[in-house]
């Protein structure tokens, strides 16, 4: 009886086969997965978010690198400025001024080194004569020279206490060295034994 009522309904008879599948809850494409479609549609949005995050991270890394690079350069220029003579450490000059002063100071240093080399050769020549006999027959003083840095040297003179040099005033040695263009920073005299005396001179 139910079948007869259903078959006799004019609305049911007017539904076509595809429409009948729709109303019956059955899709005409059995392999179609609506969840897969939603997943594929959502992938571009996820990629855009990831790309935006990567770009932001790269920008932060670049800014951090530039900040560290500028800090390192400033430290190098500060160290360079501290090497200049009469540098005012309380003030921070511009980079251009620092570089200009360094370019001017380098030739001055080279000239000072050349002068020190000349002085060193003179003193070394005197040192090569150590042990030679004076005309009087006594042993000549022994002279040794050590370069402390580009500007300073240490001269040590050793002679017998009963020699003619031992009777000379210490000021005579200083005067001779100053005539050679050297400036005395400090000096000391000691006699480790009764018959030998040492002069130690710190010169610039």
N, C-alpha and C. Protein backbone atom coordinates (compact mmCIF):
# COMPACT_ATOMS: atom_id res chain seq x y z
N UNK A 1 0.83 -1.21 0.00
CA UNK A 1 0.00 0.00 0.00
C UNK A 1 0.85 1.24 0.00
N UNK A 2 1.89 1.21 0.80
CA UNK A 2 2.81 2.36 0.82
C UNK A 2 3.43 2.57 -0.54
N UNK A 3 3.77 1.51 -1.22
CA UNK A 3 4.39 1.61 -2.53
C UNK A 3 3.44 2.23 -3.52
N UNK A 4 2.20 1.92 -3.41
CA UNK A 4 1.23 2.49 -4.33
C UNK A 4 1.08 3.97 -4.11
N UNK A 5 1.07 4.44 -2.82
CA UNK A 5 0.96 5.88 -2.56
C UNK A 5 2.17 6.59 -3.08
N UNK A 6 3.36 6.01 -2.90
CA UNK A 6 4.60 6.64 -3.34
C UNK A 6 4.63 6.75 -4.85
N UNK A 7 4.21 5.64 -5.52
CA UNK A 7 4.25 5.66 -6.98
C UNK A 7 3.19 6.56 -7.56
N UNK A 8 2.16 6.79 -6.80
CA UNK A 8 1.11 7.62 -7.34
C UNK A 8 1.32 9.09 -7.09
N UNK A 9 2.34 9.46 -6.33
CA UNK A 9 2.61 10.87 -6.04
C UNK A 9 3.14 11.53 -7.29
N UNK A 10 2.47 12.57 -7.80
CA UNK A 10 2.93 13.23 -9.04
C UNK A 10 4.29 13.90 -8.86
N UNK A 11 4.65 14.37 -7.65
CA UNK A 11 5.94 15.05 -7.43
C UNK A 11 7.09 14.08 -7.59
N UNK A 12 6.87 12.88 -7.09
CA UNK A 12 7.92 11.86 -7.20
C UNK A 12 8.13 11.48 -8.64
N UNK A 13 7.06 11.41 -9.41
CA UNK A 13 7.19 11.02 -10.80
C UNK A 13 7.90 12.08 -11.62
N UNK A 14 7.90 13.36 -11.13
CA UNK A 14 8.51 14.45 -11.92
C UNK A 14 10.00 14.59 -11.66
N UNK A 15 10.60 13.91 -10.67
CA UNK A 15 12.03 14.02 -10.35
C UNK A 15 12.83 13.18 -11.32
N UNK A 16 13.85 13.80 -11.93
CA UNK A 16 14.72 13.09 -12.87
C UNK A 16 15.71 12.24 -12.10
N UNK A 17 16.41 11.28 -12.74
CA UNK A 17 17.35 10.38 -12.03
C UNK A 17 18.47 11.10 -11.30
N UNK A 18 19.17 12.12 -11.89
CA UNK A 18 20.21 12.81 -11.09
C UNK A 18 19.65 13.51 -9.88
N UNK A 19 18.48 14.18 -10.08
CA UNK A 19 17.89 14.88 -8.96
C UNK A 19 17.46 13.90 -7.89
N UNK A 20 17.05 12.75 -8.36
CA UNK A 20 16.64 11.73 -7.41
C UNK A 20 17.82 11.28 -6.55
N UNK A 21 19.04 11.22 -7.15
CA UNK A 21 20.23 10.86 -6.39
C UNK A 21 20.55 11.92 -5.36
N UNK A 22 20.34 13.20 -5.73
CA UNK A 22 20.65 14.28 -4.80
C UNK A 22 19.74 14.23 -3.60
N UNK A 23 18.49 14.08 -3.84
CA UNK A 23 17.55 14.04 -2.73
C UNK A 23 17.69 12.78 -1.91
N UNK A 24 18.22 11.76 -2.51
CA UNK A 24 18.37 10.51 -1.75
C UNK A 24 19.63 10.51 -0.91
N UNK A 25 20.49 11.63 -1.02
CA UNK A 25 21.72 11.71 -0.22
C UNK A 25 22.88 11.01 -0.86
N UNK A 26 22.75 10.54 -2.11
CA UNK A 26 23.83 9.86 -2.80
C UNK A 26 24.36 10.74 -3.90
N UNK A 27 25.71 11.03 -3.89
CA UNK A 27 26.32 11.89 -4.90
C UNK A 27 26.57 11.09 -6.16
N UNK A 28 26.51 11.74 -7.31
CA UNK A 28 26.76 11.02 -8.57
C UNK A 28 28.24 10.70 -8.76
N UNK A 29 29.20 11.31 -7.87
CA UNK A 29 30.65 11.03 -7.99
C UNK A 29 31.09 10.32 -6.72
N UNK A 30 31.10 9.04 -6.70
CA UNK A 30 31.38 8.31 -5.45
C UNK A 30 32.79 8.54 -4.93
N UNK A 31 33.80 8.93 -5.82
CA UNK A 31 35.19 9.12 -5.37
C UNK A 31 35.47 10.55 -4.92
N UNK A 32 34.53 11.43 -5.00
CA UNK A 32 34.74 12.83 -4.63
C UNK A 32 34.80 12.97 -3.11
N UNK A 33 35.93 13.64 -2.62
CA UNK A 33 36.12 13.85 -1.18
C UNK A 33 36.15 15.35 -0.92
N UNK A 34 35.13 15.85 -0.29
CA UNK A 34 35.01 17.29 -0.05
C UNK A 34 36.08 17.79 0.91
N UNK A 35 36.52 16.97 1.87
CA UNK A 35 37.57 17.37 2.82
C UNK A 35 38.89 17.62 2.12
N UNK A 36 39.20 16.81 1.10
CA UNK A 36 40.44 17.03 0.35
C UNK A 36 40.43 18.36 -0.37
N UNK A 37 39.28 18.74 -0.90
CA UNK A 37 39.17 20.02 -1.59
C UNK A 37 39.41 21.17 -0.63
N UNK A 38 38.83 21.09 0.56
CA UNK A 38 39.04 22.15 1.56
C UNK A 38 40.51 22.24 1.95
N UNK A 39 41.19 21.11 2.06
CA UNK A 39 42.61 21.10 2.44
C UNK A 39 43.45 21.77 1.36
N UNK A 40 43.18 21.44 0.11
CA UNK A 40 43.94 22.03 -0.99
C UNK A 40 43.71 23.53 -1.08
N UNK A 41 42.47 23.97 -0.84
CA UNK A 41 42.17 25.40 -0.89
C UNK A 41 42.84 26.16 0.24
N UNK A 42 43.07 25.51 1.36
CA UNK A 42 43.68 26.19 2.50
C UNK A 42 45.19 26.25 2.40
N UNK A 43 45.85 25.46 1.55
CA UNK A 43 47.31 25.43 1.46
C UNK A 43 47.92 26.76 1.03
N UNK A 44 47.42 27.50 0.05
CA UNK A 44 48.04 28.79 -0.30
C UNK A 44 48.08 29.77 0.86
N UNK A 45 47.02 29.80 1.65
CA UNK A 45 47.00 30.71 2.80
C UNK A 45 48.08 30.33 3.80
N UNK A 46 48.29 29.04 4.01
CA UNK A 46 49.33 28.59 4.94
C UNK A 46 50.71 28.95 4.41
N UNK A 47 50.92 28.81 3.08
CA UNK A 47 52.21 29.15 2.50
C UNK A 47 52.50 30.63 2.63
N UNK A 48 51.45 31.45 2.43
CA UNK A 48 51.64 32.89 2.58
C UNK A 48 52.05 33.23 4.00
N UNK A 49 51.47 32.59 5.00
CA UNK A 49 51.83 32.85 6.40
C UNK A 49 53.26 32.45 6.68
N UNK A 50 53.66 31.28 6.14
CA UNK A 50 55.03 30.81 6.36
C UNK A 50 56.03 31.72 5.68
N UNK A 51 55.69 32.17 4.45
CA UNK A 51 56.59 33.07 3.73
C UNK A 51 56.75 34.39 4.46
N UNK A 52 55.63 34.88 4.99
CA UNK A 52 55.70 36.13 5.75
C UNK A 52 56.56 36.00 6.98
N UNK A 53 56.46 34.85 7.67
CA UNK A 53 57.28 34.64 8.86
C UNK A 53 58.75 34.53 8.51
N UNK A 54 59.07 33.83 7.40
CA UNK A 54 60.48 33.70 7.00
C UNK A 54 61.06 35.04 6.61
N UNK A 55 60.30 35.86 5.91
CA UNK A 55 60.78 37.19 5.52
C UNK A 55 61.04 38.06 6.74
N UNK A 56 60.16 37.99 7.71
CA UNK A 56 60.36 38.78 8.93
C UNK A 56 61.59 38.32 9.70
N UNK A 57 61.83 37.01 9.74
CA UNK A 57 63.01 36.48 10.43
C UNK A 57 64.29 36.90 9.72
N UNK A 58 64.27 36.85 8.38
CA UNK A 58 65.45 37.29 7.63
C UNK A 58 65.75 38.75 7.87
N UNK A 59 64.73 39.57 7.97
CA UNK A 59 64.93 40.99 8.22
C UNK A 59 65.54 41.22 9.60
N UNK A 60 65.06 40.48 10.60
CA UNK A 60 65.62 40.62 11.95
C UNK A 60 67.08 40.17 11.98
N UNK A 61 67.38 39.08 11.27
CA UNK A 61 68.77 38.60 11.23
C UNK A 61 69.68 39.61 10.54
N UNK A 62 69.19 40.22 9.48
CA UNK A 62 69.98 41.23 8.76
C UNK A 62 70.24 42.45 9.64
N UNK A 63 69.23 42.89 10.35
CA UNK A 63 69.40 44.05 11.23
C UNK A 63 70.39 43.75 12.35
N UNK A 64 70.32 42.54 12.90
CA UNK A 64 71.26 42.16 13.96
C UNK A 64 72.68 42.09 13.43
N UNK A 65 72.85 41.57 12.20
CA UNK A 65 74.19 41.49 11.60
C UNK A 65 74.76 42.89 11.36
N UNK A 66 73.95 43.79 10.83
CA UNK A 66 74.41 45.16 10.58
C UNK A 66 74.76 45.87 11.88
N UNK A 67 73.97 45.64 12.91
CA UNK A 67 74.26 46.27 14.21
C UNK A 67 75.59 45.78 14.77
N UNK A 68 75.85 44.48 14.68
CA UNK A 68 77.12 43.94 15.16
C UNK A 68 78.29 44.43 14.31
N UNK A 69 78.08 44.55 13.01
CA UNK A 69 79.15 45.01 12.12
C UNK A 69 79.53 46.46 12.43
N UNK A 70 78.54 47.31 12.62
CA UNK A 70 78.83 48.72 12.95
C UNK A 70 79.51 48.83 14.30
N UNK A 71 79.10 48.01 15.25
CA UNK A 71 79.73 48.03 16.57
C UNK A 71 81.19 47.62 16.48
N UNK A 72 81.48 46.59 15.68
CA UNK A 72 82.86 46.13 15.52
C UNK A 72 83.72 47.20 14.85
N UNK A 73 83.19 47.87 13.83
CA UNK A 73 83.94 48.93 13.16
C UNK A 73 84.23 50.09 14.10
N UNK A 74 83.26 50.46 14.91
CA UNK A 74 83.48 51.55 15.87
C UNK A 74 84.56 51.18 16.88
N UNK A 75 84.59 49.92 17.31
CA UNK A 75 85.64 49.49 18.23
C UNK A 75 87.01 49.55 17.58
N UNK A 76 87.10 49.19 16.30
CA UNK A 76 88.38 49.24 15.59
C UNK A 76 88.86 50.68 15.45
N UNK A 77 87.96 51.60 15.10
CA UNK A 77 88.35 53.01 14.98
C UNK A 77 88.75 53.59 16.33
N UNK A 78 88.10 53.17 17.39
CA UNK A 78 88.47 53.64 18.73
C UNK A 78 89.87 53.15 19.10
N UNK A 79 90.17 51.89 18.77
CA UNK A 79 91.51 51.36 19.04
C UNK A 79 92.56 52.09 18.22
N UNK A 80 92.23 52.41 16.98
CA UNK A 80 93.16 53.15 16.12
C UNK A 80 93.40 54.55 16.68
N UNK A 81 92.35 55.18 17.16
CA UNK A 81 92.48 56.52 17.73
C UNK A 81 93.35 56.51 18.98
N UNK A 82 93.27 55.45 19.78
CA UNK A 82 94.05 55.37 21.01
C UNK A 82 95.55 55.25 20.75
N UNK A 83 95.94 54.81 19.54
CA UNK A 83 97.35 54.68 19.21
C UNK A 83 97.99 56.00 18.80
N UNK A 84 97.18 56.99 18.53
CA UNK A 84 97.73 58.28 18.11
C UNK A 84 98.35 59.01 19.30
N UNK A 85 99.43 59.76 19.07
CA UNK A 85 100.04 60.52 20.17
C UNK A 85 99.13 61.65 20.62
N UNK A 86 99.14 61.91 21.91
CA UNK A 86 98.33 62.98 22.49
C UNK A 86 96.85 62.80 22.19
N UNK A 87 96.40 61.54 22.13
CA UNK A 87 94.99 61.27 21.86
C UNK A 87 94.15 61.60 23.08
N UNK A 88 93.08 62.33 22.84
CA UNK A 88 92.15 62.68 23.92
C UNK A 88 91.11 61.57 24.01
N UNK A 89 91.25 60.71 25.01
CA UNK A 89 90.34 59.57 25.14
C UNK A 89 88.96 60.00 25.63
N UNK A 90 88.85 61.21 26.15
CA UNK A 90 87.55 61.67 26.63
C UNK A 90 86.64 62.05 25.47
N UNK A 91 87.25 62.43 24.34
CA UNK A 91 86.47 62.83 23.18
C UNK A 91 86.50 61.72 22.14
N UNK A 92 85.45 61.68 21.34
CA UNK A 92 85.35 60.69 20.29
C UNK A 92 85.32 61.40 18.94
N UNK A 93 86.49 61.52 18.27
CA UNK A 93 86.52 62.23 16.99
C UNK A 93 85.81 61.44 15.90
N UNK A 94 85.54 62.11 14.82
CA UNK A 94 84.89 61.44 13.70
C UNK A 94 85.86 60.46 13.05
N UNK A 95 85.31 59.54 12.31
CA UNK A 95 86.14 58.53 11.64
C UNK A 95 87.06 59.19 10.62
N UNK A 96 86.56 60.19 9.90
CA UNK A 96 87.38 60.87 8.90
C UNK A 96 88.59 61.54 9.53
N UNK A 97 88.40 62.20 10.67
CA UNK A 97 89.52 62.86 11.36
C UNK A 97 90.53 61.83 11.85
N UNK A 98 90.05 60.72 12.39
CA UNK A 98 90.95 59.67 12.88
C UNK A 98 91.80 59.11 11.75
N UNK A 99 91.19 58.81 10.62
CA UNK A 99 91.93 58.25 9.48
C UNK A 99 92.95 59.26 8.96
N UNK A 100 92.57 60.54 8.89
CA UNK A 100 93.49 61.57 8.41
C UNK A 100 94.71 61.70 9.32
N UNK A 101 94.49 61.65 10.63
CA UNK A 101 95.60 61.76 11.58
C UNK A 101 96.51 60.54 11.50
N UNK A 102 95.92 59.37 11.29
CA UNK A 102 96.73 58.15 11.18
C UNK A 102 97.61 58.20 9.93
N UNK A 103 97.04 58.64 8.81
CA UNK A 103 97.82 58.74 7.57
C UNK A 103 98.96 59.74 7.71
N UNK A 104 98.79 60.74 8.53
CA UNK A 104 99.87 61.71 8.77
C UNK A 104 100.89 61.18 9.75
N UNK A 105 100.43 60.37 10.70
CA UNK A 105 101.32 59.89 11.77
C UNK A 105 102.22 58.75 11.30
N UNK A 106 101.78 57.94 10.36
CA UNK A 106 102.57 56.79 9.91
C UNK A 106 103.93 57.22 9.34
N UNK A 107 104.01 58.22 8.44
CA UNK A 107 105.34 58.65 7.97
C UNK A 107 106.23 59.17 9.09
N UNK A 108 105.64 59.82 10.09
CA UNK A 108 106.43 60.28 11.22
C UNK A 108 107.04 59.11 11.98
N UNK A 109 106.26 58.06 12.17
CA UNK A 109 106.78 56.87 12.84
C UNK A 109 107.90 56.23 12.03
N UNK A 110 107.71 56.17 10.72
CA UNK A 110 108.75 55.59 9.88
C UNK A 110 110.06 56.37 9.99
N UNK A 111 109.97 57.69 10.06
CA UNK A 111 111.17 58.51 10.22
C UNK A 111 111.83 58.25 11.56
N UNK A 112 111.05 58.11 12.60
CA UNK A 112 111.61 57.82 13.92
C UNK A 112 112.30 56.46 13.95
N UNK A 113 111.72 55.49 13.27
CA UNK A 113 112.34 54.17 13.21
C UNK A 113 113.68 54.23 12.48
N UNK A 114 113.73 55.00 11.41
CA UNK A 114 115.00 55.14 10.68
C UNK A 114 116.07 55.78 11.55
N UNK A 115 115.70 56.80 12.32
CA UNK A 115 116.67 57.44 13.21
C UNK A 115 117.15 56.47 14.29
N UNK A 116 116.24 55.67 14.81
CA UNK A 116 116.63 54.70 15.82
C UNK A 116 117.56 53.63 15.24
N UNK A 117 117.32 53.27 13.99
CA UNK A 117 118.20 52.29 13.35
C UNK A 117 119.62 52.84 13.22
N UNK A 118 119.72 54.12 12.89
CA UNK A 118 121.05 54.74 12.79
C UNK A 118 121.74 54.75 14.14
N UNK A 119 121.01 55.11 15.18
CA UNK A 119 121.59 55.12 16.53
C UNK A 119 122.02 53.72 16.96
N UNK A 120 121.17 52.76 16.62
CA UNK A 120 121.48 51.38 17.00
C UNK A 120 122.78 50.92 16.34
N UNK A 121 122.96 51.27 15.07
CA UNK A 121 124.18 50.85 14.37
C UNK A 121 125.41 51.49 15.00
N UNK A 122 125.29 52.75 15.40
CA UNK A 122 126.42 53.41 16.05
C UNK A 122 126.78 52.71 17.35
N UNK A 123 125.76 52.40 18.13
CA UNK A 123 126.03 51.74 19.41
C UNK A 123 126.53 50.31 19.21
N UNK A 124 126.02 49.63 18.19
CA UNK A 124 126.49 48.28 17.93
C UNK A 124 127.93 48.27 17.45
N UNK A 125 128.31 49.30 16.70
CA UNK A 125 129.71 49.40 16.28
C UNK A 125 130.62 49.58 17.48
N UNK A 126 130.15 50.36 18.44
CA UNK A 126 130.94 50.53 19.66
C UNK A 126 130.99 49.23 20.45
N UNK A 127 129.89 48.47 20.39
CA UNK A 127 129.84 47.21 21.11
C UNK A 127 130.77 46.16 20.49
N UNK A 128 130.95 46.26 19.18
CA UNK A 128 131.83 45.29 18.50
C UNK A 128 133.28 45.46 18.93
N UNK A 129 133.59 46.61 19.46
CA UNK A 129 134.97 46.87 19.87
C UNK A 129 135.22 46.47 21.32
N UNK A 130 134.24 45.85 21.95
CA UNK A 130 134.42 45.47 23.34
C UNK A 130 135.57 44.47 23.48
N UNK A 131 136.28 44.59 24.53
CA UNK A 131 137.41 43.71 24.76
C UNK A 131 138.70 44.20 24.15
N UNK A 132 138.60 45.26 23.31
CA UNK A 132 139.82 45.80 22.71
C UNK A 132 140.61 46.56 23.76
N UNK A 133 141.87 46.63 23.56
CA UNK A 133 142.73 47.32 24.52
C UNK A 133 142.78 48.80 24.22
N UNK A 134 142.72 49.61 25.25
CA UNK A 134 142.96 51.03 25.12
C UNK A 134 144.44 51.27 24.85
N UNK A 135 144.78 52.46 24.35
CA UNK A 135 146.20 52.76 24.16
C UNK A 135 146.98 52.64 25.46
N UNK A 136 146.30 52.84 26.58
CA UNK A 136 147.00 52.75 27.86
C UNK A 136 147.25 51.31 28.28
N UNK A 137 146.62 50.34 27.55
CA UNK A 137 146.82 48.94 27.87
C UNK A 137 145.72 48.34 28.71
N UNK A 138 144.74 49.14 29.17
CA UNK A 138 143.64 48.61 29.96
C UNK A 138 142.55 48.07 29.05
N UNK A 139 141.67 47.25 29.60
CA UNK A 139 140.58 46.66 28.81
C UNK A 139 139.47 47.69 28.63
N UNK A 140 139.00 47.83 27.38
CA UNK A 140 137.95 48.80 27.09
C UNK A 140 136.63 48.37 27.72
N UNK A 141 135.75 49.32 27.99
CA UNK A 141 134.44 48.97 28.57
C UNK A 141 133.64 48.06 27.64
N UNK A 142 132.78 47.26 28.22
CA UNK A 142 131.88 46.39 27.47
C UNK A 142 130.51 47.06 27.41
N UNK A 143 130.02 47.25 26.20
CA UNK A 143 128.75 47.95 26.00
C UNK A 143 127.76 47.00 25.33
N UNK A 144 126.58 46.92 25.89
CA UNK A 144 125.50 46.12 25.28
C UNK A 144 124.27 46.99 25.12
N UNK A 145 123.55 46.79 24.02
CA UNK A 145 122.38 47.60 23.70
C UNK A 145 121.19 46.68 23.43
N UNK A 146 120.08 46.97 24.06
CA UNK A 146 118.83 46.22 23.84
C UNK A 146 117.73 47.20 23.45
N UNK A 147 117.03 46.90 22.36
CA UNK A 147 115.90 47.73 21.93
C UNK A 147 114.65 47.28 22.68
N UNK A 148 114.08 48.20 23.45
CA UNK A 148 112.87 47.88 24.20
C UNK A 148 111.63 47.97 23.32
N UNK A 149 111.60 48.98 22.46
CA UNK A 149 110.53 49.16 21.49
C UNK A 149 111.05 50.08 20.39
N UNK A 150 110.16 50.62 19.59
CA UNK A 150 110.59 51.46 18.48
C UNK A 150 111.16 52.79 18.93
N UNK A 151 110.95 53.16 20.19
CA UNK A 151 111.38 54.47 20.66
C UNK A 151 112.43 54.42 21.76
N UNK A 152 112.58 53.31 22.44
CA UNK A 152 113.42 53.26 23.63
C UNK A 152 114.45 52.13 23.55
N UNK A 153 115.60 52.37 24.16
CA UNK A 153 116.67 51.38 24.22
C UNK A 153 117.22 51.32 25.64
N UNK A 154 117.85 50.21 25.94
CA UNK A 154 118.52 50.04 27.23
C UNK A 154 120.00 49.79 26.94
N UNK A 155 120.86 50.67 27.48
CA UNK A 155 122.31 50.57 27.29
C UNK A 155 122.94 50.18 28.61
N UNK A 156 123.76 49.15 28.57
CA UNK A 156 124.49 48.70 29.76
C UNK A 156 125.99 48.77 29.48
N UNK A 157 126.69 49.43 30.37
CA UNK A 157 128.14 49.62 30.23
C UNK A 157 128.82 48.96 31.42
N UNK A 158 129.79 48.12 31.11
CA UNK A 158 130.53 47.42 32.16
C UNK A 158 132.03 47.71 31.99
N UNK A 159 132.68 48.10 33.07
CA UNK A 159 134.12 48.37 33.00
C UNK A 159 134.75 48.06 34.35
N UNK A 160 136.06 47.91 34.32
CA UNK A 160 136.79 47.62 35.55
C UNK A 160 136.80 48.84 36.45
N UNK A 161 136.65 48.60 37.73
CA UNK A 161 136.57 49.71 38.68
C UNK A 161 137.86 50.50 38.76
N UNK A 162 138.99 49.89 38.42
CA UNK A 162 140.25 50.60 38.49
C UNK A 162 140.69 51.17 37.14
N UNK A 163 139.76 51.13 36.16
CA UNK A 163 140.10 51.66 34.84
C UNK A 163 139.92 53.17 34.82
N UNK A 164 140.38 53.77 33.73
CA UNK A 164 140.29 55.22 33.60
C UNK A 164 138.83 55.67 33.50
N UNK A 165 137.99 54.83 32.87
CA UNK A 165 136.58 55.20 32.72
C UNK A 165 135.87 55.29 34.06
N UNK A 166 136.31 54.49 35.02
CA UNK A 166 135.65 54.49 36.33
C UNK A 166 135.85 55.80 37.06
N UNK A 167 136.90 56.52 36.70
CA UNK A 167 137.16 57.79 37.37
C UNK A 167 136.39 58.94 36.74
N UNK A 168 135.75 58.69 35.59
CA UNK A 168 134.99 59.76 34.93
C UNK A 168 133.66 59.97 35.64
N UNK A 169 133.23 61.22 35.77
CA UNK A 169 131.91 61.48 36.35
C UNK A 169 130.80 60.88 35.49
N UNK A 170 129.72 60.47 36.14
CA UNK A 170 128.60 59.86 35.41
C UNK A 170 127.98 60.85 34.43
N UNK A 171 128.05 62.12 34.76
CA UNK A 171 127.48 63.16 33.89
C UNK A 171 128.16 63.20 32.53
N UNK A 172 129.42 62.75 32.49
CA UNK A 172 130.13 62.75 31.21
C UNK A 172 129.48 61.76 30.25
N UNK A 173 129.10 60.59 30.75
CA UNK A 173 128.43 59.60 29.91
C UNK A 173 127.10 60.15 29.38
N UNK A 174 126.37 60.82 30.26
CA UNK A 174 125.07 61.38 29.87
C UNK A 174 125.24 62.44 28.80
N UNK A 175 126.24 63.26 28.96
CA UNK A 175 126.47 64.34 27.99
C UNK A 175 126.81 63.78 26.62
N UNK A 176 127.63 62.74 26.60
CA UNK A 176 127.99 62.13 25.32
C UNK A 176 126.76 61.55 24.63
N UNK A 177 125.91 60.89 25.37
CA UNK A 177 124.71 60.29 24.79
C UNK A 177 123.73 61.34 24.30
N UNK A 178 123.58 62.41 25.05
CA UNK A 178 122.67 63.48 24.63
C UNK A 178 123.17 64.17 23.38
N UNK A 179 124.49 64.24 23.22
CA UNK A 179 125.04 64.81 21.99
C UNK A 179 124.72 63.95 20.78
N UNK A 180 124.45 62.68 21.02
CA UNK A 180 124.07 61.77 19.94
C UNK A 180 122.56 61.81 19.67
N UNK A 181 121.85 62.67 20.38
CA UNK A 181 120.42 62.80 20.15
C UNK A 181 119.56 61.92 21.04
N UNK A 182 120.17 61.31 22.05
CA UNK A 182 119.42 60.45 22.96
C UNK A 182 119.00 61.22 24.21
N UNK A 183 117.88 60.82 24.78
CA UNK A 183 117.38 61.46 26.00
C UNK A 183 117.30 60.42 27.11
N UNK A 184 117.89 60.76 28.26
CA UNK A 184 117.92 59.83 29.39
C UNK A 184 116.57 59.80 30.09
N UNK A 185 116.02 58.59 30.26
CA UNK A 185 114.77 58.41 31.00
C UNK A 185 115.07 58.01 32.44
N UNK A 186 115.97 57.06 32.62
CA UNK A 186 116.36 56.63 33.96
C UNK A 186 117.75 55.99 33.88
N UNK A 187 118.39 55.86 35.03
CA UNK A 187 119.73 55.27 35.06
C UNK A 187 119.98 54.65 36.43
N UNK A 188 120.94 53.76 36.46
CA UNK A 188 121.34 53.14 37.72
C UNK A 188 122.80 52.70 37.61
N UNK A 189 123.45 52.65 38.76
CA UNK A 189 124.85 52.23 38.84
C UNK A 189 125.00 51.22 39.96
N UNK A 190 125.71 50.14 39.68
CA UNK A 190 125.94 49.16 40.74
C UNK A 190 127.25 48.43 40.47
N UNK A 191 127.82 47.88 41.53
CA UNK A 191 129.09 47.15 41.45
C UNK A 191 128.90 45.78 42.08
N UNK A 192 128.65 44.77 41.29
CA UNK A 192 128.45 43.43 41.84
C UNK A 192 129.72 42.85 42.47
N UNK A 193 130.85 43.30 41.98
CA UNK A 193 132.14 42.87 42.55
C UNK A 193 132.99 44.10 42.82
N UNK A 194 134.08 43.89 43.49
CA UNK A 194 134.94 45.02 43.86
C UNK A 194 135.65 45.63 42.66
N UNK A 195 135.89 44.83 41.64
CA UNK A 195 136.68 45.32 40.52
C UNK A 195 135.86 45.59 39.25
N UNK A 196 134.51 45.58 39.33
CA UNK A 196 133.71 45.85 38.13
C UNK A 196 132.50 46.71 38.49
N UNK A 197 132.23 47.65 37.60
CA UNK A 197 131.11 48.58 37.77
C UNK A 197 130.21 48.53 36.54
N UNK A 198 128.89 48.62 36.78
CA UNK A 198 127.91 48.59 35.70
C UNK A 198 127.10 49.88 35.70
N UNK A 199 126.91 50.44 34.49
CA UNK A 199 125.98 51.54 34.29
C UNK A 199 124.81 51.00 33.45
N UNK A 200 123.61 51.24 33.90
CA UNK A 200 122.42 50.84 33.16
C UNK A 200 121.64 52.10 32.81
N UNK A 201 121.47 52.35 31.51
CA UNK A 201 120.85 53.59 31.04
C UNK A 201 119.62 53.28 30.20
N UNK A 202 118.51 53.87 30.58
CA UNK A 202 117.26 53.76 29.82
C UNK A 202 117.12 55.03 29.00
N UNK A 203 117.21 54.90 27.67
CA UNK A 203 117.28 56.06 26.78
C UNK A 203 116.14 56.05 25.77
N UNK A 204 115.86 57.25 25.30
CA UNK A 204 114.83 57.41 24.26
C UNK A 204 115.41 58.22 23.11
